[in-house]
N, C-alpha and C. Protein backbone atom coordinates (compact mmCIF):
# COMPACT_ATOMS: atom_id res chain seq x y z
N UNK A 1 -17.66 46.83 -1.22
CA UNK A 1 -16.92 45.25 -0.94
C UNK A 1 -15.21 45.77 -1.56
N UNK A 2 -14.25 44.87 -1.78
CA UNK A 2 -12.97 45.45 -2.00
C UNK A 2 -13.30 44.56 -3.01
N UNK A 3 -12.54 45.00 -4.41
CA UNK A 3 -12.42 44.28 -6.07
C UNK A 3 -11.93 42.83 -5.66
N UNK A 4 -10.61 43.31 -4.83
CA UNK A 4 -9.78 42.05 -4.72
C UNK A 4 -10.26 41.29 -4.11
N UNK A 5 -11.05 40.91 -2.83
CA UNK A 5 -12.11 39.94 -2.40
C UNK A 5 -13.11 39.20 -2.77
N UNK A 6 -13.64 40.45 -4.19
CA UNK A 6 -14.48 39.94 -5.56
C UNK A 6 -13.68 38.58 -6.38
N UNK A 7 -12.50 39.25 -6.48
CA UNK A 7 -11.92 38.52 -7.10
C UNK A 7 -11.06 37.06 -6.97
N UNK A 8 -11.18 37.20 -5.67
CA UNK A 8 -11.04 36.07 -5.02
C UNK A 8 -12.11 34.92 -4.57
N UNK A 9 -13.42 35.83 -4.71
CA UNK A 9 -14.54 34.42 -4.44
C UNK A 9 -14.20 33.44 -5.47
N UNK A 10 -13.73 33.40 -7.06
CA UNK A 10 -13.94 32.59 -8.06
C UNK A 10 -12.88 31.30 -7.44
N UNK A 11 -11.64 31.86 -7.10
CA UNK A 11 -10.50 31.27 -7.12
C UNK A 11 -11.03 30.80 -5.77
N UNK A 12 -11.47 31.08 -5.04
CA UNK A 12 -11.96 30.07 -3.73
C UNK A 12 -12.41 28.74 -3.91
N UNK A 13 -13.68 29.38 -4.81
CA UNK A 13 -14.67 28.00 -5.40
C UNK A 13 -13.73 27.64 -6.16
N UNK A 14 -13.19 27.62 -7.07
CA UNK A 14 -12.36 26.78 -7.95
C UNK A 14 -11.43 25.82 -6.44
N UNK A 15 -10.90 26.02 -6.06
CA UNK A 15 -10.15 25.54 -5.49
C UNK A 15 -10.81 24.83 -4.19
N UNK A 16 -12.10 24.72 -3.90
CA UNK A 16 -12.63 23.87 -2.86
C UNK A 16 -12.82 22.55 -4.17
N UNK A 17 -13.27 22.98 -4.91
CA UNK A 17 -13.75 21.80 -6.23
C UNK A 17 -12.64 20.35 -6.86
N UNK A 18 -11.58 21.39 -6.39
CA UNK A 18 -10.81 20.68 -6.93
C UNK A 18 -9.91 19.01 -5.77
N UNK A 19 -10.92 19.30 -4.81
CA UNK A 19 -10.54 18.17 -4.12
C UNK A 19 -10.92 16.70 -4.25
N UNK A 20 -10.94 15.56 -3.66
CA UNK A 20 -10.64 14.32 -4.17
C UNK A 20 -12.34 13.87 -4.50
N UNK A 21 -13.01 13.50 -5.73
CA UNK A 21 -14.58 13.17 -5.95
C UNK A 21 -15.00 12.25 -6.22
N UNK A 22 -13.61 11.42 -6.20
CA UNK A 22 -13.78 9.34 -5.97
C UNK A 22 -14.22 9.18 -4.44
N UNK A 23 -14.45 7.99 -4.67
CA UNK A 23 -14.10 7.36 -2.65
C UNK A 23 -13.16 7.02 -2.60
N UNK A 24 -12.16 7.48 -1.57
CA UNK A 24 -11.16 6.59 -1.10
C UNK A 24 -11.14 4.91 -1.84
N UNK A 25 -9.56 4.34 -2.72
CA UNK A 25 -9.04 3.27 -3.23
C UNK A 25 -8.98 2.50 -1.87
N UNK A 26 -8.88 2.75 -0.92
CA UNK A 26 -8.42 1.53 0.34
C UNK A 26 -9.51 1.43 0.76
N UNK A 27 -11.17 1.70 0.49
CA UNK A 27 -11.98 1.19 0.61
C UNK A 27 -12.49 -0.15 0.51
N UNK A 28 -11.87 -0.58 -0.80
CA UNK A 28 -11.91 -2.08 -1.07
C UNK A 28 -10.42 -2.71 -1.96
N UNK A 29 -9.31 -2.31 -0.67
CA UNK A 29 -8.22 -2.79 -0.82
C UNK A 29 -8.19 -4.24 0.08
N UNK A 30 -7.39 -5.67 -0.73
CA UNK A 30 -7.37 -6.57 0.03
C UNK A 30 -6.25 -6.75 0.92
N UNK A 31 -6.93 -6.66 2.45
CA UNK A 31 -5.69 -6.60 3.54
C UNK A 31 -4.53 -7.25 3.24
N UNK A 32 -3.21 -7.37 3.94
CA UNK A 32 -2.08 -7.96 4.16
C UNK A 32 -2.39 -9.36 4.15
N UNK A 33 -3.05 -9.40 5.30
CA UNK A 33 -3.34 -10.87 5.53
C UNK A 33 -4.39 -12.11 4.73
N UNK A 34 -4.98 -11.07 4.36
CA UNK A 34 -5.72 -11.44 2.79
C UNK A 34 -4.47 -11.85 1.82
N UNK A 35 -3.79 -10.81 1.18
CA UNK A 35 -2.93 -11.60 0.42
C UNK A 35 -1.90 -12.37 0.98
N UNK A 36 -1.40 -12.61 2.12
CA UNK A 36 -0.65 -13.45 2.52
C UNK A 36 -0.99 -15.36 2.45
N UNK A 37 -2.53 -14.97 2.66
CA UNK A 37 -3.68 -16.34 3.03
C UNK A 37 -3.58 -16.77 1.43
N UNK A 38 -3.27 -16.07 0.60
CA UNK A 38 -3.98 -16.38 -0.99
C UNK A 38 -2.61 -16.27 -2.03
N UNK A 39 -1.92 -17.14 -1.94
CA UNK A 39 -0.41 -16.92 -2.47
C UNK A 39 -0.82 -16.99 -4.19
N UNK A 40 -1.51 -17.40 -4.50
CA UNK A 40 -1.96 -17.27 -5.77
C UNK A 40 -2.31 -16.17 -6.09
N UNK A 41 -3.21 -15.72 -5.73
CA UNK A 41 -3.73 -13.62 -5.74
C UNK A 41 -2.32 -12.78 -5.30
N UNK A 42 -1.68 -13.15 -4.30
CA UNK A 42 -0.23 -12.14 -4.30
C UNK A 42 0.49 -12.34 -4.71
N UNK A 43 0.67 -13.55 -6.39
CA UNK A 43 1.92 -13.29 -6.99
C UNK A 43 1.35 -12.81 -8.29
N UNK A 44 -0.20 -12.76 -8.83
CA UNK A 44 -0.90 -11.99 -9.24
C UNK A 44 -0.68 -10.64 -9.42
N UNK A 45 -1.57 -9.46 -8.04
CA UNK A 45 -0.86 -9.32 -7.74
C UNK A 45 0.47 -8.06 -7.57
N UNK A 46 1.08 -9.15 -7.05
CA UNK A 46 2.26 -8.49 -7.01
C UNK A 46 3.51 -7.72 -8.68
N UNK A 47 2.98 -8.79 -9.66
CA UNK A 47 3.31 -8.50 -10.91
C UNK A 47 2.35 -7.56 -11.32
N UNK A 48 1.43 -7.26 -10.91
CA UNK A 48 0.50 -6.29 -11.84
C UNK A 48 0.95 -5.02 -11.34
N UNK A 49 1.64 -4.69 -9.80
CA UNK A 49 2.27 -3.56 -9.01
C UNK A 49 3.84 -3.14 -10.01
N UNK A 50 3.89 -4.29 -10.85
CA UNK A 50 5.65 -4.22 -10.68
C UNK A 50 5.27 -3.68 -12.29
N UNK A 51 4.39 -3.80 -13.28
CA UNK A 51 4.14 -3.08 -14.89
C UNK A 51 3.12 -2.17 -14.75
N UNK A 52 2.15 -1.77 -13.49
CA UNK A 52 1.68 -0.49 -13.35
C UNK A 52 1.50 0.23 -11.87
N UNK A 53 1.98 0.39 -11.02
CA UNK A 53 2.25 0.73 -9.79
C UNK A 53 1.14 1.98 -10.30
N UNK A 54 1.57 2.91 -10.59
CA UNK A 54 0.83 3.85 -10.72
C UNK A 54 -1.09 3.92 -10.97
N UNK A 55 -1.17 2.91 -12.14
CA UNK A 55 -2.60 2.61 -12.09
C UNK A 55 -3.06 2.04 -10.59
N UNK A 56 -2.30 0.68 -9.96
CA UNK A 56 -3.11 0.37 -8.59
C UNK A 56 -2.91 1.19 -8.00
N UNK A 57 -2.22 1.61 -7.48
CA UNK A 57 -2.27 2.72 -6.55
C UNK A 57 -0.60 1.79 -5.53
N UNK A 58 -0.53 2.99 -5.30
CA UNK A 58 0.33 2.93 -3.77
C UNK A 58 0.04 1.94 -2.25
N UNK A 59 -0.92 1.96 -2.00
CA UNK A 59 -1.65 1.38 -0.76
C UNK A 59 -2.00 0.05 -1.57
N UNK A 60 -2.54 -0.67 -2.12
CA UNK A 60 -2.34 -1.48 -2.71
C UNK A 60 -1.12 -2.29 -2.26
N UNK A 61 -0.07 -1.81 -3.57
CA UNK A 61 1.11 -2.41 -3.84
C UNK A 61 1.74 -2.39 -2.47
N UNK A 62 1.78 -1.38 -1.76
CA UNK A 62 2.34 -1.56 0.07
C UNK A 62 1.89 -2.73 0.86
N UNK A 63 0.59 -2.84 0.38
CA UNK A 63 -0.33 -4.05 1.11
C UNK A 63 0.50 -5.57 0.79
N UNK A 64 0.94 -5.44 -0.36
CA UNK A 64 1.57 -6.61 -1.33
C UNK A 64 2.50 -6.99 -1.00
N UNK A 65 3.62 -5.68 -0.44
CA UNK A 65 4.74 -5.98 -0.56
C UNK A 65 5.07 -6.36 1.20
N UNK A 66 3.80 -5.73 1.83
CA UNK A 66 4.20 -6.37 3.10
C UNK A 66 3.40 -7.60 3.43
N UNK A 67 2.59 -8.40 2.74
CA UNK A 67 2.16 -9.80 2.83
C UNK A 67 3.21 -10.68 2.15
N UNK A 68 3.91 -10.11 1.17
CA UNK A 68 5.13 -11.04 0.85
C UNK A 68 6.84 -10.61 1.87
N UNK A 69 6.25 -10.23 2.36
CA UNK A 69 8.04 -9.90 3.09
C UNK A 69 6.67 -11.09 4.77
N UNK A 70 5.48 -10.71 5.03
CA UNK A 70 5.17 -11.69 5.83
C UNK A 70 5.59 -13.13 5.56
N UNK A 71 4.95 -13.49 4.42
CA UNK A 71 4.87 -14.77 3.64
C UNK A 71 5.81 -14.88 3.85
N UNK A 72 7.41 -14.52 3.51
CA UNK A 72 8.89 -15.23 3.35
C UNK A 72 8.99 -14.94 4.58
N UNK A 73 9.05 -14.30 5.86
CA UNK A 73 9.86 -14.42 7.55
C UNK A 73 9.01 -14.97 8.24
N UNK A 74 7.66 -15.09 7.95
CA UNK A 74 6.65 -15.62 8.56
C UNK A 74 6.35 -14.87 9.89
N UNK A 75 6.19 -15.14 11.12
CA UNK A 75 5.80 -13.88 12.43
C UNK A 75 6.73 -13.54 12.86
N UNK A 76 8.47 -13.89 12.53
CA UNK A 76 8.66 -13.65 13.39
C UNK A 76 9.03 -14.20 15.54
N UNK A 77 8.68 -15.41 15.04
CA UNK A 77 8.83 -15.21 16.73
C UNK A 77 9.49 -16.54 16.60
N UNK A 78 9.75 -16.67 15.46
CA UNK A 78 10.95 -18.29 16.30
C UNK A 78 12.18 -17.94 16.47
N UNK A 79 12.60 -18.94 17.53
CA UNK A 79 13.42 -18.79 17.87
C UNK A 79 14.74 -18.37 17.72
N UNK A 80 16.02 -18.64 17.97
CA UNK A 80 17.50 -18.72 17.27
C UNK A 80 17.32 -19.81 17.53
N UNK A 81 18.30 -21.37 16.92
CA UNK A 81 18.51 -22.42 17.90
C UNK A 81 20.02 -22.80 17.30
N UNK A 82 20.94 -22.39 18.29
CA UNK A 82 22.28 -22.42 17.44
C UNK A 82 22.74 -23.79 17.43
N UNK A 83 23.64 -24.83 17.22
CA UNK A 83 23.76 -25.86 16.38
C UNK A 83 24.45 -26.68 17.59
N UNK A 84 24.16 -27.93 18.47
CA UNK A 84 24.65 -28.27 19.64
C UNK A 84 26.53 -28.17 19.63
N UNK A 85 26.99 -29.02 18.64
CA UNK A 85 28.14 -28.55 18.39
C UNK A 85 28.20 -27.37 17.91
N UNK A 86 29.93 -26.67 18.05
CA UNK A 86 30.80 -25.71 17.79
C UNK A 86 31.05 -25.82 16.56
N UNK A 87 31.29 -25.11 15.54
CA UNK A 87 31.55 -26.08 14.21
C UNK A 87 33.02 -26.37 14.25
N UNK A 88 34.09 -26.61 12.96
CA UNK A 88 34.96 -27.28 13.10
C UNK A 88 35.77 -26.45 12.21
N UNK A 89 36.98 -25.51 12.32
CA UNK A 89 37.44 -24.74 10.96
C UNK A 89 39.07 -25.52 10.65
């Protein structure tokens, strides 16, 4: 057998063991709808994301940002209603 192949086997085994050992964090994340429905929880988690985004993770903080936008903008289905009289300048 080629000595290069033998030397590369431990490297391959080491790289294969470097995969994620934890369950994905997204398994128990609150959804955008859940966060948007609970303003107190949304405010709390939004503050935590500002302080320590690395600890909470991008997925949760992205859900928080999307829920904040959803609460601010609503469902986006409100039609534009211009005034009946044009403004006088």
